[in-house]
């Protein structure tokens, strides 16, 4: 059974992209989410959770090409429960299969606005199905 999910977080590392024998790309990434609270007059990140996110096909290729550790992203997908056994103990995890991944430019927007005008943008959208 799977459940829809949407969340925003930060990449803990660059996505790891692999290719199956048939050429289908798979990207695996860890994304941290947290809550910000005002503690003694200072904002702190608390209640950090780590999520294993997997993307397939063109989305996986784009994630590998354009996403980097520390970037803020929004993920839309489905939670899939996975069960396995390790050392005789049954284990369960909730993994996310991404349908869409978007880069969040909230904090980065100021950096983009301050970029020198003499440097032209070099990024071109590969096709109309780009999820970003």
N, C-alpha and C. Protein backbone atom coordinates (compact mmCIF):
# COMPACT_ATOMS: atom_id res chain seq x y z
N UNK A 1 0.84 -1.18 0.00
CA UNK A 1 0.00 0.00 0.00
C UNK A 1 0.89 1.24 0.00
N UNK A 2 0.48 2.28 -0.69
CA UNK A 2 1.25 3.51 -0.72
C UNK A 2 0.35 4.70 -0.42
N UNK A 3 0.95 5.75 0.13
CA UNK A 3 0.21 6.94 0.51
C UNK A 3 0.89 8.16 -0.10
N UNK A 4 0.12 9.14 -0.59
CA UNK A 4 0.74 10.35 -1.16
C UNK A 4 1.39 11.21 -0.07
N UNK A 5 2.48 11.88 -0.45
CA UNK A 5 3.20 12.72 0.50
C UNK A 5 3.83 13.90 -0.25
N UNK A 6 3.87 15.05 0.41
CA UNK A 6 4.54 16.25 -0.10
C UNK A 6 5.32 16.84 1.07
N UNK A 7 6.60 17.14 0.85
CA UNK A 7 7.37 17.75 1.93
C UNK A 7 8.55 18.53 1.36
N UNK A 8 9.12 19.38 2.22
CA UNK A 8 10.29 20.17 1.87
C UNK A 8 11.41 19.80 2.82
N UNK A 9 12.62 19.68 2.29
CA UNK A 9 13.76 19.34 3.13
C UNK A 9 15.06 19.69 2.42
N UNK A 10 16.18 19.24 3.00
CA UNK A 10 17.50 19.51 2.42
C UNK A 10 18.21 18.19 2.14
N UNK A 11 18.92 18.17 1.02
CA UNK A 11 19.67 16.98 0.64
C UNK A 11 20.86 16.77 1.57
N UNK A 12 21.00 15.56 2.09
CA UNK A 12 22.11 15.25 2.97
C UNK A 12 23.39 14.90 2.22
N UNK A 13 23.25 14.58 0.94
CA UNK A 13 24.39 14.25 0.08
C UNK A 13 23.92 14.37 -1.36
N UNK A 14 24.87 14.37 -2.29
CA UNK A 14 24.49 14.37 -3.70
C UNK A 14 23.71 13.09 -4.00
N UNK A 15 22.74 13.14 -4.91
CA UNK A 15 22.01 11.92 -5.28
C UNK A 15 22.96 10.88 -5.86
N UNK A 16 22.69 9.61 -5.55
CA UNK A 16 23.47 8.50 -6.10
C UNK A 16 22.65 7.91 -7.25
N UNK A 17 23.16 8.03 -8.47
CA UNK A 17 22.45 7.57 -9.65
C UNK A 17 23.09 6.29 -10.18
N UNK A 18 22.25 5.28 -10.42
CA UNK A 18 22.70 4.04 -11.04
C UNK A 18 21.79 3.74 -12.22
N UNK A 19 22.26 2.86 -13.10
CA UNK A 19 21.48 2.49 -14.28
C UNK A 19 21.29 0.98 -14.30
N UNK A 20 20.05 0.56 -14.54
CA UNK A 20 19.73 -0.87 -14.66
C UNK A 20 20.23 -1.37 -16.01
N UNK A 21 20.23 -2.68 -16.20
CA UNK A 21 20.68 -3.28 -17.45
C UNK A 21 19.89 -2.76 -18.65
N UNK A 22 18.61 -2.43 -18.44
CA UNK A 22 17.79 -1.92 -19.54
C UNK A 22 17.97 -0.42 -19.76
N UNK A 23 18.85 0.24 -18.99
CA UNK A 23 19.15 1.65 -19.17
C UNK A 23 18.34 2.60 -18.30
N UNK A 24 17.39 2.08 -17.51
CA UNK A 24 16.58 2.93 -16.64
C UNK A 24 17.41 3.45 -15.48
N UNK A 25 17.35 4.76 -15.28
CA UNK A 25 18.11 5.40 -14.20
C UNK A 25 17.33 5.31 -12.89
N UNK A 26 18.08 5.15 -11.79
CA UNK A 26 17.53 5.19 -10.44
C UNK A 26 18.40 6.13 -9.62
N UNK A 27 17.77 7.11 -8.96
CA UNK A 27 18.51 8.03 -8.08
C UNK A 27 18.02 7.82 -6.66
N UNK A 28 18.97 7.62 -5.76
CA UNK A 28 18.64 7.50 -4.34
C UNK A 28 19.25 8.69 -3.62
N UNK A 29 18.46 9.26 -2.72
CA UNK A 29 18.95 10.43 -1.97
C UNK A 29 18.33 10.44 -0.58
N UNK A 30 19.07 11.03 0.36
CA UNK A 30 18.59 11.19 1.73
C UNK A 30 18.25 12.66 1.90
N UNK A 31 17.04 12.89 2.41
CA UNK A 31 16.57 14.26 2.61
C UNK A 31 16.17 14.45 4.06
N UNK A 32 16.66 15.53 4.67
CA UNK A 32 16.35 15.83 6.07
C UNK A 32 15.23 16.85 6.14
N UNK A 33 14.29 16.61 7.04
CA UNK A 33 13.25 17.58 7.34
C UNK A 33 13.35 17.90 8.83
N UNK A 34 12.95 19.11 9.19
CA UNK A 34 12.98 19.47 10.61
C UNK A 34 11.96 20.56 10.89
N UNK A 35 11.81 20.84 12.16
CA UNK A 35 10.94 21.91 12.63
C UNK A 35 11.81 22.99 13.24
N UNK A 36 11.46 24.25 13.01
CA UNK A 36 12.19 25.35 13.64
C UNK A 36 11.37 25.87 14.81
N UNK A 37 12.06 26.02 15.95
CA UNK A 37 11.40 26.53 17.16
C UNK A 37 12.23 27.66 17.76
N UNK A 38 11.52 28.57 18.41
CA UNK A 38 12.18 29.65 19.12
C UNK A 38 12.50 29.14 20.52
N UNK A 39 13.79 28.96 20.81
CA UNK A 39 14.24 28.45 22.10
C UNK A 39 15.10 29.52 22.75
N UNK A 40 14.61 30.08 23.85
CA UNK A 40 15.33 31.13 24.60
C UNK A 40 15.74 32.28 23.67
N UNK A 41 14.81 32.71 22.83
CA UNK A 41 15.05 33.85 21.95
C UNK A 41 15.87 33.55 20.71
N UNK A 42 16.18 32.28 20.46
CA UNK A 42 17.00 31.92 19.30
C UNK A 42 16.34 30.79 18.53
N UNK A 43 16.28 30.92 17.19
CA UNK A 43 15.68 29.88 16.36
C UNK A 43 16.61 28.69 16.26
N UNK A 44 16.04 27.49 16.46
CA UNK A 44 16.81 26.27 16.38
C UNK A 44 16.05 25.24 15.56
N UNK A 45 16.81 24.41 14.81
CA UNK A 45 16.21 23.29 14.09
C UNK A 45 16.10 22.12 15.06
N UNK A 46 14.90 21.59 15.21
CA UNK A 46 14.67 20.46 16.12
C UNK A 46 13.87 19.39 15.38
N UNK A 47 13.76 18.23 15.99
CA UNK A 47 12.96 17.13 15.45
C UNK A 47 13.35 16.78 14.01
N UNK A 48 14.63 16.57 13.77
CA UNK A 48 15.10 16.22 12.43
C UNK A 48 14.73 14.78 12.09
N UNK A 49 14.18 14.59 10.91
CA UNK A 49 13.87 13.26 10.38
C UNK A 49 14.58 13.10 9.05
N UNK A 50 15.11 11.91 8.78
CA UNK A 50 15.76 11.62 7.51
C UNK A 50 14.88 10.70 6.70
N UNK A 51 14.75 11.00 5.40
CA UNK A 51 13.90 10.24 4.49
C UNK A 51 14.73 9.70 3.34
N UNK A 52 14.51 8.42 3.04
CA UNK A 52 15.13 7.81 1.87
C UNK A 52 14.20 8.05 0.70
N UNK A 53 14.67 8.76 -0.32
CA UNK A 53 13.85 9.10 -1.49
C UNK A 53 14.47 8.45 -2.72
N UNK A 54 13.63 7.84 -3.55
CA UNK A 54 14.08 7.21 -4.78
C UNK A 54 13.31 7.79 -5.95
N UNK A 55 14.02 8.10 -7.03
CA UNK A 55 13.40 8.59 -8.27
C UNK A 55 13.84 7.67 -9.40
N UNK A 56 13.00 7.55 -10.42
CA UNK A 56 13.30 6.66 -11.54
C UNK A 56 13.24 7.41 -12.87
N UNK A 57 13.89 6.86 -13.88
CA UNK A 57 13.81 7.37 -15.24
C UNK A 57 14.43 8.75 -15.40
N UNK A 58 13.75 9.58 -16.21
CA UNK A 58 14.26 10.92 -16.51
C UNK A 58 14.38 11.78 -15.26
N UNK A 59 13.45 11.63 -14.31
CA UNK A 59 13.53 12.37 -13.06
C UNK A 59 14.81 12.03 -12.30
N UNK A 60 15.20 10.76 -12.31
CA UNK A 60 16.44 10.34 -11.65
C UNK A 60 17.65 10.96 -12.32
N UNK A 61 17.66 10.99 -13.65
CA UNK A 61 18.78 11.59 -14.38
C UNK A 61 18.90 13.07 -14.06
N UNK A 62 17.78 13.78 -14.07
CA UNK A 62 17.79 15.22 -13.76
C UNK A 62 18.24 15.47 -12.33
N UNK A 63 17.80 14.64 -11.41
CA UNK A 63 18.22 14.79 -10.01
C UNK A 63 19.73 14.64 -9.91
N UNK A 64 20.29 13.65 -10.57
CA UNK A 64 21.74 13.45 -10.54
C UNK A 64 22.51 14.59 -11.18
N UNK A 65 21.95 15.17 -12.23
CA UNK A 65 22.62 16.26 -12.94
C UNK A 65 22.55 17.60 -12.21
N UNK A 66 21.45 17.86 -11.49
CA UNK A 66 21.19 19.21 -11.00
C UNK A 66 21.10 19.37 -9.49
N UNK A 67 20.93 18.31 -8.73
CA UNK A 67 20.78 18.45 -7.28
C UNK A 67 22.10 18.17 -6.58
N UNK A 68 22.36 18.94 -5.52
CA UNK A 68 23.60 18.81 -4.77
C UNK A 68 23.32 18.88 -3.26
N UNK A 69 24.26 18.31 -2.52
CA UNK A 69 24.17 18.30 -1.06
C UNK A 69 23.87 19.69 -0.53
N UNK A 70 22.92 19.76 0.42
CA UNK A 70 22.58 21.01 1.08
C UNK A 70 21.46 21.78 0.42
N UNK A 71 21.12 21.46 -0.83
CA UNK A 71 20.05 22.18 -1.52
C UNK A 71 18.69 21.89 -0.88
N UNK A 72 17.86 22.92 -0.83
CA UNK A 72 16.49 22.76 -0.37
C UNK A 72 15.65 22.26 -1.55
N UNK A 73 14.85 21.23 -1.31
CA UNK A 73 14.01 20.66 -2.36
C UNK A 73 12.61 20.38 -1.82
N UNK A 74 11.65 20.35 -2.72
CA UNK A 74 10.30 19.90 -2.39
C UNK A 74 10.09 18.59 -3.13
N UNK A 75 9.52 17.61 -2.44
CA UNK A 75 9.30 16.29 -3.02
C UNK A 75 7.81 15.96 -2.95
N UNK A 76 7.31 15.44 -4.04
CA UNK A 76 5.95 14.93 -4.10
C UNK A 76 6.05 13.50 -4.57
N UNK A 77 5.40 12.60 -3.86
CA UNK A 77 5.49 11.19 -4.24
C UNK A 77 4.59 10.32 -3.38
N UNK A 78 5.03 9.08 -3.21
CA UNK A 78 4.26 8.11 -2.42
C UNK A 78 5.16 7.44 -1.40
N UNK A 79 4.62 7.24 -0.20
CA UNK A 79 5.35 6.50 0.83
C UNK A 79 5.09 5.02 0.59
N UNK A 80 6.17 4.26 0.54
CA UNK A 80 6.08 2.81 0.39
C UNK A 80 6.71 2.17 1.62
N UNK A 81 5.99 1.26 2.24
CA UNK A 81 6.54 0.55 3.38
C UNK A 81 7.35 -0.64 2.88
N UNK A 82 8.54 -0.81 3.46
CA UNK A 82 9.43 -1.89 3.04
C UNK A 82 9.77 -2.72 4.28
N UNK A 83 9.71 -4.02 4.13
CA UNK A 83 10.04 -4.93 5.24
C UNK A 83 11.21 -5.80 4.83
N UNK A 84 12.12 -6.06 5.78
CA UNK A 84 13.24 -6.96 5.54
C UNK A 84 13.69 -7.54 6.86
N UNK A 85 14.61 -8.49 6.79
CA UNK A 85 15.11 -9.14 8.00
C UNK A 85 16.62 -8.98 8.06
N UNK A 86 17.12 -8.61 9.24
CA UNK A 86 18.56 -8.46 9.44
C UNK A 86 18.91 -9.10 10.77
N UNK A 87 19.85 -10.02 10.75
CA UNK A 87 20.28 -10.75 11.96
C UNK A 87 19.10 -11.39 12.67
N UNK A 88 18.15 -11.91 11.89
CA UNK A 88 16.99 -12.58 12.46
C UNK A 88 15.91 -11.67 13.01
N UNK A 89 16.09 -10.36 12.86
CA UNK A 89 15.12 -9.39 13.36
C UNK A 89 14.39 -8.76 12.18
N UNK A 90 13.05 -8.78 12.23
CA UNK A 90 12.26 -8.15 11.18
C UNK A 90 12.33 -6.64 11.35
N UNK A 91 12.54 -5.95 10.22
CA UNK A 91 12.63 -4.49 10.24
C UNK A 91 11.67 -3.92 9.22
N UNK A 92 11.25 -2.67 9.48
CA UNK A 92 10.33 -1.97 8.59
C UNK A 92 10.82 -0.54 8.39
N UNK A 93 10.71 -0.06 7.16
CA UNK A 93 11.04 1.35 6.91
C UNK A 93 10.01 1.94 5.97
N UNK A 94 9.90 3.24 6.00
CA UNK A 94 9.01 3.97 5.10
C UNK A 94 9.89 4.74 4.13
N UNK A 95 9.87 4.33 2.88
CA UNK A 95 10.65 4.99 1.84
C UNK A 95 9.72 5.79 0.95
N UNK A 96 10.26 6.77 0.24
CA UNK A 96 9.44 7.62 -0.62
C UNK A 96 9.89 7.44 -2.07
N UNK A 97 8.92 7.17 -2.94
CA UNK A 97 9.16 7.11 -4.37
C UNK A 97 8.67 8.44 -4.94
N UNK A 98 9.61 9.23 -5.48
CA UNK A 98 9.30 10.58 -5.94
C UNK A 98 8.62 10.58 -7.30
N UNK A 99 7.55 11.38 -7.40
CA UNK A 99 6.90 11.66 -8.68
C UNK A 99 7.41 12.99 -9.23
N UNK A 100 7.70 13.94 -8.31
CA UNK A 100 8.18 15.28 -8.68
C UNK A 100 9.19 15.73 -7.65
N UNK A 101 10.20 16.46 -8.11
CA UNK A 101 11.18 17.07 -7.22
C UNK A 101 11.40 18.49 -7.73
N UNK A 102 11.33 19.47 -6.83
CA UNK A 102 11.53 20.86 -7.22
C UNK A 102 12.57 21.51 -6.32
N UNK A 103 13.42 22.34 -6.89
CA UNK A 103 14.41 23.08 -6.11
C UNK A 103 13.70 24.27 -5.46
N UNK A 104 13.96 24.49 -4.17
CA UNK A 104 13.38 25.60 -3.43
C UNK A 104 14.39 26.73 -3.42
N UNK A 105 13.98 27.90 -3.89
CA UNK A 105 14.90 29.02 -4.00
C UNK A 105 14.68 30.09 -2.95
N UNK A 106 14.02 29.78 -1.86
CA UNK A 106 13.72 30.77 -0.83
C UNK A 106 14.98 31.49 -0.38
N UNK A 107 15.93 30.79 0.18
CA UNK A 107 17.15 31.41 0.67
C UNK A 107 18.13 31.73 -0.44
N UNK A 108 18.11 30.95 -1.50
CA UNK A 108 19.04 31.12 -2.59
C UNK A 108 18.65 32.26 -3.52
N UNK A 109 17.41 32.75 -3.45
CA UNK A 109 16.95 33.80 -4.35
C UNK A 109 17.80 35.06 -4.22
N UNK A 110 18.20 35.40 -3.00
CA UNK A 110 19.03 36.58 -2.79
C UNK A 110 20.37 36.41 -3.48
N UNK A 111 20.97 35.22 -3.41
CA UNK A 111 22.25 34.96 -4.06
C UNK A 111 22.11 35.10 -5.57
N UNK A 112 21.00 34.60 -6.12
CA UNK A 112 20.77 34.71 -7.55
C UNK A 112 20.62 36.17 -7.97
N UNK A 113 19.94 36.96 -7.15
CA UNK A 113 19.71 38.37 -7.47
C UNK A 113 21.03 39.16 -7.44
N UNK A 114 21.98 38.72 -6.61
CA UNK A 114 23.25 39.43 -6.48
C UNK A 114 24.31 38.93 -7.45
N UNK A 115 24.00 37.91 -8.27
CA UNK A 115 24.97 37.36 -9.21
C UNK A 115 25.34 38.41 -10.25
N UNK A 116 26.60 38.45 -10.67
CA UNK A 116 27.01 39.45 -11.66
C UNK A 116 26.24 39.27 -12.97
N UNK A 117 25.82 40.38 -13.55
CA UNK A 117 25.06 40.35 -14.79
C UNK A 117 25.90 39.90 -15.97
N UNK A 118 27.23 39.99 -15.85
CA UNK A 118 28.11 39.61 -16.95
C UNK A 118 28.19 38.10 -17.15
N UNK A 119 27.71 37.32 -16.18
CA UNK A 119 27.72 35.86 -16.31
C UNK A 119 26.36 35.39 -16.83
N UNK A 120 26.27 35.01 -18.09
CA UNK A 120 24.99 34.54 -18.60
C UNK A 120 24.66 33.16 -18.06
N UNK A 121 23.39 32.87 -17.95
CA UNK A 121 22.95 31.56 -17.49
C UNK A 121 23.32 30.52 -18.55
N UNK A 122 23.81 29.36 -18.11
CA UNK A 122 24.22 28.32 -19.05
C UNK A 122 23.27 27.14 -19.04
N UNK A 123 22.27 27.16 -18.19
CA UNK A 123 21.35 26.02 -18.07
C UNK A 123 20.24 26.13 -19.11
N UNK A 124 19.97 25.03 -19.79
CA UNK A 124 18.86 24.98 -20.75
C UNK A 124 17.99 23.79 -20.39
N UNK A 125 16.69 23.95 -20.41
CA UNK A 125 15.78 22.86 -20.11
C UNK A 125 15.91 21.79 -21.18
N UNK A 126 16.07 20.53 -20.79
CA UNK A 126 16.27 19.47 -21.79
C UNK A 126 15.00 19.15 -22.59
N UNK A 127 13.84 19.27 -22.00
CA UNK A 127 12.61 19.00 -22.73
C UNK A 127 11.43 19.51 -21.93
N UNK A 128 10.23 19.36 -22.46
CA UNK A 128 9.01 19.87 -21.82
C UNK A 128 8.63 19.11 -20.55
N UNK A 129 9.14 17.90 -20.36
CA UNK A 129 8.74 17.10 -19.19
C UNK A 129 9.60 17.36 -17.97
N UNK A 130 10.44 18.38 -17.98
CA UNK A 130 11.31 18.68 -16.85
C UNK A 130 10.48 18.95 -15.60
N UNK A 131 10.76 18.22 -14.49
CA UNK A 131 9.95 18.35 -13.29
C UNK A 131 10.24 19.58 -12.46
N UNK A 132 11.30 20.31 -12.75
CA UNK A 132 11.67 21.46 -11.91
C UNK A 132 10.92 22.67 -12.35
